[in-house]
Amino acid sequence: MPLEIVTIPCLSDNYAFLAHDSGNGQTALIDAPEAAPILAALEDRGWTLSHVLLTHHHWDHVEGLAEILTQHPARVIGAAADAHRLPPLDQQVAEGDSFEVGGEPVEVLDVSGHTVGHVAFYLPQSAVVFTADSLMALGCGRLFEGSPAQMWASLSKLAALPDDTLVCSGHEYTQSNAKFAITVDPENTALKQRIADIDRARAAGEATVPSILALEKATNPFLRATDPAIQAHLGMVNADPAAVFAEIRGRKDKF
């Protein structure tokens, strides 16, 4: 059975996630932006944390951890490359490493770009990837530390996962991302339909995260730097995809 995934809104626009195995009772928390809503979600379900997986060091992904651990002394796992600025880790991991949660393998992907040392956690049996601020719904994280080429390589790695993969990203930025996406991919009918769906969901107070990777590949401009229509719109036909990505990211930064 795939793990049960619970999306938890935190702070003003963050998301944390729980991944629960009903068979052995193990529960992993992915990122810890804020303690109260995460503790409430665990209490409501009668779950106890066994693991905490940290994607990167930014405060809005780790701020709630200390308080959570006072009630749930779980095993904390994060990137070895980021260990010097993450909360104390019980296990340091890197690209290519694998460990188990709920009897299911968790594969570690280096997705540096937003930060250097950012990791994603991919669970192939449950077909879910926790991407935080690397690949986001209709977007990607701002490049605070990494280069455009580095982020393009990270996004390409994520895009190579199976199309039915559930993408659990870290923020409710989708509506604002959509307003930008249409400016660089204006003739994309799938994007136009997604924008309408997003607007309906947000008007109803519904989350737009998680999303399906196939939909991201069809509509997210940051995954589409090889697309001829986007390249033509940008005046970059046959350009290096990393350069096209850099142009898209630069335009988003000024949007």
C-alpha atoms as a PDB file:
ATOM      1  CA  MET A   1       0.000   0.000   0.000  1.00  0.00           C
ATOM      2  CA  PRO A   2       1.318   3.484  -0.794  1.00  0.00           C
ATOM      3  CA  LEU A   3       1.933   5.799   2.112  1.00  0.00           C
ATOM      4  CA  GLU A   4      -0.858   8.165   3.107  1.00  0.00           C
ATOM      5  CA  ILE A   5       0.205  11.750   2.337  1.00  0.00           C
ATOM      6  CA  VAL A   6      -1.229  14.652   4.347  1.00  0.00           C
ATOM      7  CA  THR A   7      -0.669  18.273   3.297  1.00  0.00           C
ATOM      8  CA  ILE A   8      -0.443  20.749   6.203  1.00  0.00           C
ATOM      9  CA  PRO A   9      -0.713  24.517   5.588  1.00  0.00           C
ATOM     10  CA  CYS A  10       1.761  26.430   7.771  1.00  0.00           C
ATOM     11  CA  LEU A  11       2.667  30.088   8.288  1.00  0.00           C
ATOM     12  CA  SER A  12       1.142  32.316   5.589  1.00  0.00           C
ATOM     13  CA  ASP A  13       1.886  30.210   2.509  1.00  0.00           C
ATOM     14  CA  ASN A  14       4.088  27.226   3.445  1.00  0.00           C
ATOM     15  CA  TYR A  15       3.286  23.539   3.328  1.00  0.00           C
ATOM     16  CA  ALA A  16       4.581  20.658   5.417  1.00  0.00           C
ATOM     17  CA  PHE A  17       3.732  17.043   4.666  1.00  0.00           C
ATOM     18  CA  LEU A  18       3.170  13.853   6.613  1.00  0.00           C
ATOM     19  CA  ALA A  19       3.815  10.449   5.043  1.00  0.00           C
ATOM     20  CA  HIS A  20       2.188   7.655   7.067  1.00  0.00           C
ATOM     21  CA  ASP A  21       2.390   3.880   6.816  1.00  0.00           C
ATOM     22  CA  SER A  22      -0.815   2.378   8.186  1.00  0.00           C
ATOM     23  CA  GLY A  23       0.838  -1.031   8.403  1.00  0.00           C
ATOM     24  CA  ASN A  24       3.687  -0.338  10.813  1.00  0.00           C
ATOM     25  CA  GLY A  25       2.532   3.065  12.088  1.00  0.00           C
ATOM     26  CA  GLN A  26       5.629   4.977  11.038  1.00  0.00           C
ATOM     27  CA  THR A  27       5.087   8.609  10.113  1.00  0.00           C
ATOM     28  CA  ALA A  28       7.557  10.973   8.485  1.00  0.00           C
ATOM     29  CA  LEU A  29       7.307  14.758   8.534  1.00  0.00           C
ATOM     30  CA  ILE A  30       8.788  16.587   5.569  1.00  0.00           C
ATOM     31  CA  ASP A  31       9.922  20.052   6.665  1.00  0.00           C
ATOM     32  CA  ALA A  32       8.798  21.854   9.798  1.00  0.00           C
ATOM     33  CA  PRO A  33       7.762  25.442   9.097  1.00  0.00           C
ATOM     34  CA  GLU A  34       5.532  25.814  12.159  1.00  0.00           C
ATOM     35  CA  ALA A  35       4.885  23.511  15.103  1.00  0.00           C
ATOM     36  CA  ALA A  36       1.217  24.108  15.994  1.00  0.00           C
ATOM     37  CA  PRO A  37      -0.522  22.932  12.801  1.00  0.00           C
ATOM     38  CA  ILE A  38       1.808  19.941  12.458  1.00  0.00           C
ATOM     39  CA  LEU A  39       1.274  18.840  16.057  1.00  0.00           C
ATOM     40  CA  ALA A  40      -2.483  19.288  15.609  1.00  0.00           C
ATOM     41  CA  ALA A  41      -2.480  17.139  12.467  1.00  0.00           C
ATOM     42  CA  LEU A  42      -0.607  14.377  14.282  1.00  0.00           C
ATOM     43  CA  GLU A  43      -2.905  14.526  17.298  1.00  0.00           C
ATOM     44  CA  ASP A  44      -6.049  14.497  15.166  1.00  0.00           C
ATOM     45  CA  ARG A  45      -4.900  11.262  13.521  1.00  0.00           C
ATOM     46  CA  GLY A  46      -3.309   9.656  16.566  1.00  0.00           C
ATOM     47  CA  TRP A  47       0.027   9.407  14.779  1.00  0.00           C
ATOM     48  CA  THR A  48       3.517   9.561  16.275  1.00  0.00           C
ATOM     49  CA  LEU A  49       6.464  10.840  14.278  1.00  0.00           C
ATOM     50  CA  SER A  50       9.240   8.379  13.501  1.00  0.00           C
ATOM     51  CA  HIS A  51      11.225  10.543  11.050  1.00  0.00           C
ATOM     52  CA  VAL A  52      11.693  14.184  10.081  1.00  0.00           C
ATOM     53  CA  LEU A  53      13.106  14.867   6.611  1.00  0.00           C
ATOM     54  CA  LEU A  54      14.543  18.349   6.040  1.00  0.00           C
ATOM     55  CA  THR A  55      14.956  19.634   2.487  1.00  0.00           C
ATOM     56  CA  HIS A  56      17.041  22.750   3.187  1.00  0.00           C
ATOM     57  CA  HIS A  57      18.036  25.180   5.889  1.00  0.00           C
ATOM     58  CA  HIS A  58      15.754  28.180   5.311  1.00  0.00           C
ATOM     59  CA  TRP A  59      13.971  29.209   8.496  1.00  0.00           C
ATOM     60  CA  ASP A  60      10.486  28.709   7.060  1.00  0.00           C
ATOM     61  CA  HIS A  61      11.252  25.010   6.595  1.00  0.00           C
ATOM     62  CA  VAL A  62      12.859  24.280   9.985  1.00  0.00           C
ATOM     63  CA  GLU A  63      11.501  26.854  12.458  1.00  0.00           C
ATOM     64  CA  GLY A  64       8.990  24.510  14.108  1.00  0.00           C
ATOM     65  CA  LEU A  65      11.297  21.542  14.521  1.00  0.00           C
ATOM     66  CA  ALA A  66      12.560  22.098  18.072  1.00  0.00           C
ATOM     67  CA  GLU A  67       9.043  22.337  19.509  1.00  0.00           C
ATOM     68  CA  ILE A  68       7.851  19.327  17.501  1.00  0.00           C
ATOM     69  CA  LEU A  69      10.720  17.185  18.784  1.00  0.00           C
ATOM     70  CA  THR A  70       9.751  17.881  22.401  1.00  0.00           C
ATOM     71  CA  GLN A  71       6.569  15.885  21.784  1.00  0.00           C
ATOM     72  CA  HIS A  72       7.791  13.582  19.012  1.00  0.00           C
ATOM     73  CA  PRO A  73      11.505  12.686  19.436  1.00  0.00           C
ATOM     74  CA  ALA A  74      11.886  11.497  15.852  1.00  0.00           C
ATOM     75  CA  ARG A  75      14.959  10.706  13.775  1.00  0.00           C
ATOM     76  CA  VAL A  76      16.018  13.862  11.890  1.00  0.00           C
ATOM     77  CA  ILE A  77      17.467  13.381   8.404  1.00  0.00           C
ATOM     78  CA  GLY A  78      18.943  16.054   6.143  1.00  0.00           C
ATOM     79  CA  ALA A  79      21.682  16.835   3.666  1.00  0.00           C
ATOM     80  CA  ALA A  80      25.291  16.335   4.681  1.00  0.00           C
ATOM     81  CA  ALA A  81      26.184  19.350   2.536  1.00  0.00           C
ATOM     82  CA  ASP A  82      23.783  21.505   4.556  1.00  0.00           C
ATOM     83  CA  ALA A  83      24.449  19.991   7.984  1.00  0.00           C
ATOM     84  CA  HIS A  84      26.420  23.019   9.207  1.00  0.00           C
ATOM     85  CA  ARG A  85      23.301  25.206   8.976  1.00  0.00           C
ATOM     86  CA  LEU A  86      20.499  22.721   9.559  1.00  0.00           C
ATOM     87  CA  PRO A  87      19.225  21.754  13.012  1.00  0.00           C
ATOM     88  CA  PRO A  88      21.161  18.816  14.506  1.00  0.00           C
ATOM     89  CA  LEU A  89      20.821  15.740  12.299  1.00  0.00           C
ATOM     90  CA  ASP A  90      20.665  12.098  13.334  1.00  0.00           C
ATOM     91  CA  GLN A  91      21.456  11.037   9.771  1.00  0.00           C
ATOM     92  CA  GLN A  92      23.273  12.961   7.043  1.00  0.00           C
ATOM     93  CA  VAL A  93      22.476  12.019   3.457  1.00  0.00           C
ATOM     94  CA  ALA A  94      23.605  12.904  -0.059  1.00  0.00           C
ATOM     95  CA  GLU A  95      22.663  12.282  -3.685  1.00  0.00           C
ATOM     96  CA  GLY A  96      22.268   8.586  -4.349  1.00  0.00           C
ATOM     97  CA  ASP A  97      21.660   7.618  -0.724  1.00  0.00           C
ATOM     98  CA  SER A  98      18.554   5.661   0.234  1.00  0.00           C
ATOM     99  CA  PHE A  99      16.878   4.939   3.545  1.00  0.00           C
ATOM    100  CA  GLU A 100      13.536   3.518   4.620  1.00  0.00           C
ATOM    101  CA  VAL A 101      10.368   5.106   5.958  1.00  0.00           C
ATOM    102  CA  GLY A 102       7.424   2.834   6.599  1.00  0.00           C
ATOM    103  CA  GLY A 103       9.222  -0.074   5.002  1.00  0.00           C
ATOM    104  CA  GLU A 104       9.527   1.904   1.771  1.00  0.00           C
ATOM    105  CA  PRO A 105      12.749   3.213   0.204  1.00  0.00           C
ATOM    106  CA  VAL A 106      13.345   6.971   0.158  1.00  0.00           C
ATOM    107  CA  GLU A 107      15.826   8.120  -2.489  1.00  0.00           C
ATOM    108  CA  VAL A 108      17.821  11.327  -1.975  1.00  0.00           C
ATOM    109  CA  LEU A 109      18.201  13.732  -4.897  1.00  0.00           C
ATOM    110  CA  ASP A 110      20.528  16.740  -4.862  1.00  0.00           C
ATOM    111  CA  VAL A 111      18.394  19.586  -6.248  1.00  0.00           C
ATOM    112  CA  SER A 112      20.703  22.506  -5.509  1.00  0.00           C
ATOM    113  CA  GLY A 113      19.858  25.879  -6.997  1.00  0.00           C
ATOM    114  CA  HIS A 114      17.506  27.652  -4.608  1.00  0.00           C
ATOM    115  CA  THR A 115      20.173  26.830  -2.051  1.00  0.00           C
ATOM    116  CA  VAL A 116      23.344  24.794  -2.393  1.00  0.00           C
ATOM    117  CA  GLY A 117      22.673  21.595  -0.500  1.00  0.00           C
ATOM    118  CA  HIS A 118      18.911  21.516  -1.104  1.00  0.00           C
ATOM    119  CA  VAL A 119      17.672  17.925  -1.409  1.00  0.00           C
ATOM    120  CA  ALA A 120      14.461  16.297  -2.552  1.00  0.00           C
ATOM    121  CA  PHE A 121      13.102  13.004  -1.237  1.00  0.00           C
ATOM    122  CA  TYR A 122      11.641  10.566  -3.778  1.00  0.00           C
ATOM    123  CA  LEU A 123       9.529   7.580  -2.745  1.00  0.00           C
ATOM    124  CA  PRO A 124       9.142   5.445  -5.888  1.00  0.00           C
ATOM    125  CA  GLN A 125       6.709   2.918  -4.419  1.00  0.00           C
ATOM    126  CA  SER A 126       4.278   5.664  -3.409  1.00  0.00           C
ATOM    127  CA  ALA A 127       5.111   7.722  -6.538  1.00  0.00           C
ATOM    128  CA  VAL A 128       5.699  10.929  -4.579  1.00  0.00           C
ATOM    129  CA  VAL A 129       8.559  13.418  -4.454  1.00  0.00           C
ATOM    130  CA  PHE A 130       9.017  16.115  -1.825  1.00  0.00           C
ATOM    131  CA  THR A 131      10.666  19.024  -3.622  1.00  0.00           C
ATOM    132  CA  ALA A 132      10.162  21.990  -1.255  1.00  0.00           C
ATOM    133  CA  ASP A 133      11.600  25.070  -3.006  1.00  0.00           C
ATOM    134  CA  SER A 134      13.255  23.382  -6.008  1.00  0.00           C
ATOM    135  CA  LEU A 135      10.444  22.315  -8.352  1.00  0.00           C
ATOM    136  CA  MET A 136       7.267  24.123  -7.307  1.00  0.00           C
ATOM    137  CA  ALA A 137       3.742  24.163  -8.693  1.00  0.00           C
ATOM    138  CA  LEU A 138       4.110  26.163 -11.929  1.00  0.00           C
ATOM    139  CA  GLY A 139       7.429  27.519 -10.689  1.00  0.00           C
ATOM    140  CA  CYS A 140      10.795  26.963  -9.095  1.00  0.00           C
ATOM    141  CA  GLY A 141      12.599  28.565  -6.197  1.00  0.00           C
ATOM    142  CA  ARG A 142      14.483  31.805  -6.587  1.00  0.00           C
ATOM    143  CA  LEU A 143      18.225  31.224  -7.041  1.00  0.00           C
ATOM    144  CA  PHE A 144      19.553  32.547  -3.749  1.00  0.00           C
ATOM    145  CA  GLU A 145      22.763  30.500  -3.921  1.00  0.00           C
ATOM    146  CA  GLY A 146      23.002  28.291  -6.987  1.00  0.00           C
ATOM    147  CA  SER A 147      23.493  29.096 -10.657  1.00  0.00           C
ATOM    148  CA  PRO A 148      20.891  28.841 -13.432  1.00  0.00           C
ATOM    149  CA  ALA A 149      22.796  25.884 -14.909  1.00  0.00           C
ATOM    150  CA  GLN A 150      22.748  24.157 -11.533  1.00  0.00           C
ATOM    151  CA  MET A 151      18.998  24.684 -11.096  1.00  0.00           C
ATOM    152  CA  TRP A 152      18.261  23.580 -14.652  1.00  0.00           C
ATOM    153  CA  ALA A 153      20.180  20.356 -13.975  1.00  0.00           C
ATOM    154  CA  SER A 154      18.180  19.843 -10.769  1.00  0.00           C
ATOM    155  CA  LEU A 155      14.854  20.453 -12.482  1.00  0.00           C
ATOM    156  CA  SER A 156      15.820  18.151 -15.346  1.00  0.00           C
ATOM    157  CA  LYS A 157      16.565  15.425 -12.806  1.00  0.00           C
ATOM    158  CA  LEU A 158      13.097  15.837 -11.300  1.00  0.00           C
ATOM    159  CA  ALA A 159      11.436  15.992 -14.721  1.00  0.00           C
ATOM    160  CA  ALA A 160      12.928  12.569 -15.508  1.00  0.00           C
ATOM    161  CA  LEU A 161      10.831  10.926 -12.772  1.00  0.00           C
ATOM    162  CA  PRO A 162       7.672   9.060 -13.869  1.00  0.00           C
ATOM    163  CA  ASP A 163       4.880  11.294 -15.120  1.00  0.00           C
ATOM    164  CA  ASP A 164       2.438  10.104 -12.448  1.00  0.00           C
ATOM    165  CA  THR A 165       4.722  11.267  -9.606  1.00  0.00           C
ATOM    166  CA  LEU A 166       2.977  13.467  -7.035  1.00  0.00           C
ATOM    167  CA  VAL A 167       5.010  16.655  -6.539  1.00  0.00           C
ATOM    168  CA  CYS A 168       4.788  17.929  -2.957  1.00  0.00           C
ATOM    169  CA  SER A 169       6.307  21.406  -3.005  1.00  0.00           C
ATOM    170  CA  GLY A 170       6.760  23.915  -0.248  1.00  0.00           C
ATOM    171  CA  HIS A 171       4.553  26.943  -0.926  1.00  0.00           C
ATOM    172  CA  GLU A 172       1.171  28.128  -2.149  1.00  0.00           C
ATOM    173  CA  TYR A 173       2.613  30.306  -4.899  1.00  0.00           C
ATOM    174  CA  THR A 174       0.755  28.696  -7.787  1.00  0.00           C
ATOM    175  CA  GLN A 175      -1.637  31.509  -8.669  1.00  0.00           C
ATOM    176  CA  SER A 176       1.111  34.122  -8.827  1.00  0.00           C
ATOM    177  CA  ASN A 177       3.344  31.682 -10.707  1.00  0.00           C
ATOM    178  CA  ALA A 178       0.541  31.191 -13.235  1.00  0.00           C
ATOM    179  CA  LYS A 179       0.317  34.911 -13.941  1.00  0.00           C
ATOM    180  CA  PHE A 180       3.968  34.860 -14.904  1.00  0.00           C
ATOM    181  CA  ALA A 181       3.894  31.544 -16.780  1.00  0.00           C
ATOM    182  CA  ILE A 182       1.406  32.772 -19.354  1.00  0.00           C
ATOM    183  CA  THR A 183       3.699  35.683 -20.237  1.00  0.00           C
ATOM    184  CA  VAL A 184       6.388  33.337 -21.558  1.00  0.00           C
ATOM    185  CA  ASP A 185       4.114  30.543 -22.858  1.00  0.00           C
ATOM    186  CA  PRO A 186       1.031  32.445 -24.075  1.00  0.00           C
ATOM    187  CA  GLU A 187      -0.303  29.892 -26.578  1.00  0.00           C
ATOM    188  CA  ASN A 188      -0.180  26.870 -24.254  1.00  0.00           C
ATOM    189  CA  THR A 189      -3.764  25.576 -24.059  1.00  0.00           C
ATOM    190  CA  ALA A 190      -2.948  23.214 -21.173  1.00  0.00           C
ATOM    191  CA  LEU A 191      -1.547  26.169 -19.217  1.00  0.00           C
ATOM    192  CA  LYS A 192      -4.668  28.246 -19.929  1.00  0.00           C
ATOM    193  CA  GLN A 193      -6.850  25.433 -18.618  1.00  0.00           C
ATOM    194  CA  ARG A 194      -4.655  25.039 -15.553  1.00  0.00           C
ATOM    195  CA  ILE A 195      -4.882  28.744 -14.795  1.00  0.00           C
ATOM    196  CA  ALA A 196      -8.681  28.534 -14.871  1.00  0.00           C
ATOM    197  CA  ASP A 197      -8.567  25.503 -12.558  1.00  0.00           C
ATOM    198  CA  ILE A 198      -6.187  27.286 -10.172  1.00  0.00           C
ATOM    199  CA  ASP A 199      -8.365  30.377 -10.019  1.00  0.00           C
ATOM    200  CA  ARG A 200     -11.411  28.256  -9.200  1.00  0.00           C
ATOM    201  CA  ALA A 201      -9.519  26.340  -6.515  1.00  0.00           C
ATOM    202  CA  ARG A 202      -8.149  29.443  -4.837  1.00  0.00           C
ATOM    203  CA  ALA A 203     -11.549  31.182  -4.935  1.00  0.00           C
ATOM    204  CA  ALA A 204     -12.883  28.168  -3.038  1.00  0.00           C
ATOM    205  CA  GLY A 205      -9.997  28.301  -0.541  1.00  0.00           C
ATOM    206  CA  GLU A 206      -8.515  25.047  -1.834  1.00  0.00           C
ATOM    207  CA  ALA A 207      -4.811  24.200  -2.021  1.00  0.00           C
ATOM    208  CA  THR A 208      -3.092  23.831  -5.406  1.00  0.00           C
ATOM    209  CA  VAL A 209      -0.309  21.694  -3.938  1.00  0.00           C
ATOM    210  CA  PRO A 210       0.512  18.818  -4.446  1.00  0.00           C
ATOM    211  CA  SER A 211       0.482  18.583  -8.245  1.00  0.00           C
ATOM    212  CA  ILE A 212       1.184  15.821 -10.764  1.00  0.00           C
ATOM    213  CA  LEU A 213       4.530  15.840 -12.558  1.00  0.00           C
ATOM    214  CA  ALA A 214       2.930  15.310 -15.991  1.00  0.00           C
ATOM    215  CA  LEU A 215       0.965  18.527 -15.493  1.00  0.00           C
ATOM    216  CA  GLU A 216       4.100  20.392 -14.445  1.00  0.00           C
ATOM    217  CA  LYS A 217       5.925  19.163 -17.552  1.00  0.00           C
ATOM    218  CA  ALA A 218       3.042  20.356 -19.731  1.00  0.00           C
ATOM    219  CA  THR A 219       2.584  23.786 -18.125  1.00  0.00           C
ATOM    220  CA  ASN A 220       5.494  24.834 -15.888  1.00  0.00           C
ATOM    221  CA  PRO A 221       7.774  27.116 -17.958  1.00  0.00           C
ATOM    222  CA  PHE A 222      10.773  26.324 -15.759  1.00  0.00           C
ATOM    223  CA  LEU A 223      10.636  22.714 -16.974  1.00  0.00           C
ATOM    224  CA  ARG A 224      10.070  23.737 -20.595  1.00  0.00           C
ATOM    225  CA  ALA A 225      13.284  25.481 -21.615  1.00  0.00           C
ATOM    226  CA  THR A 226      13.602  23.042 -24.532  1.00  0.00           C
ATOM    227  CA  ASP A 227      10.120  23.844 -25.853  1.00  0.00           C
ATOM    228  CA  PRO A 228      10.278  25.447 -29.328  1.00  0.00           C
ATOM    229  CA  ALA A 229       7.299  27.729 -28.679  1.00  0.00           C
ATOM    230  CA  ILE A 230       8.855  29.180 -25.521  1.00  0.00           C
ATOM    231  CA  GLN A 231      12.242  29.513 -27.206  1.00  0.00           C
ATOM    232  CA  ALA A 232      10.621  31.340 -30.122  1.00  0.00           C
ATOM    233  CA  HIS A 233       8.672  33.638 -27.806  1.00  0.00           C
ATOM    234  CA  LEU A 234      11.908  34.546 -26.037  1.00  0.00           C
ATOM    235  CA  GLY A 235      13.861  34.971 -29.280  1.00  0.00           C
ATOM    236  CA  MET A 236      16.120  32.065 -28.294  1.00  0.00           C
ATOM    237  CA  VAL A 237      15.420  29.396 -30.914  1.00  0.00           C
ATOM    238  CA  ASN A 238      17.853  26.458 -30.594  1.00  0.00           C
ATOM    239  CA  ALA A 239      19.576  28.113 -27.621  1.00  0.00           C
ATOM    240  CA  ASP A 240      21.147  26.092 -24.843  1.00  0.00           C
ATOM    241  CA  PRO A 241      18.311  25.059 -22.490  1.00  0.00           C
ATOM    242  CA  ALA A 242      20.224  26.284 -19.447  1.00  0.00           C
ATOM    243  CA  ALA A 243      20.445  29.730 -21.053  1.00  0.00           C
ATOM    244  CA  VAL A 244      16.727  29.659 -21.853  1.00  0.00           C
ATOM    245  CA  PHE A 245      16.005  28.677 -18.266  1.00  0.00           C
ATOM    246  CA  ALA A 246      18.200  31.532 -17.056  1.00  0.00           C
ATOM    247  CA  GLU A 247      16.208  33.977 -19.174  1.00  0.00           C
ATOM    248  CA  ILE A 248      12.907  32.660 -17.811  1.00  0.00           C
ATOM    249  CA  ARG A 249      14.164  32.816 -14.225  1.00  0.00           C
ATOM    250  CA  GLY A 250      15.495  36.341 -14.770  1.00  0.00           C
ATOM    251  CA  ARG A 251      12.147  37.500 -16.114  1.00  0.00           C
ATOM    252  CA  LYS A 252      10.343  35.940 -13.166  1.00  0.00           C
ATOM    253  CA  ASP A 253      12.641  37.739 -10.744  1.00  0.00           C
ATOM    254  CA  LYS A 254      11.560  41.063 -12.278  1.00  0.00           C
ATOM    255  CA  PHE A 255       7.877  40.162 -12.683  1.00  0.00           C
END
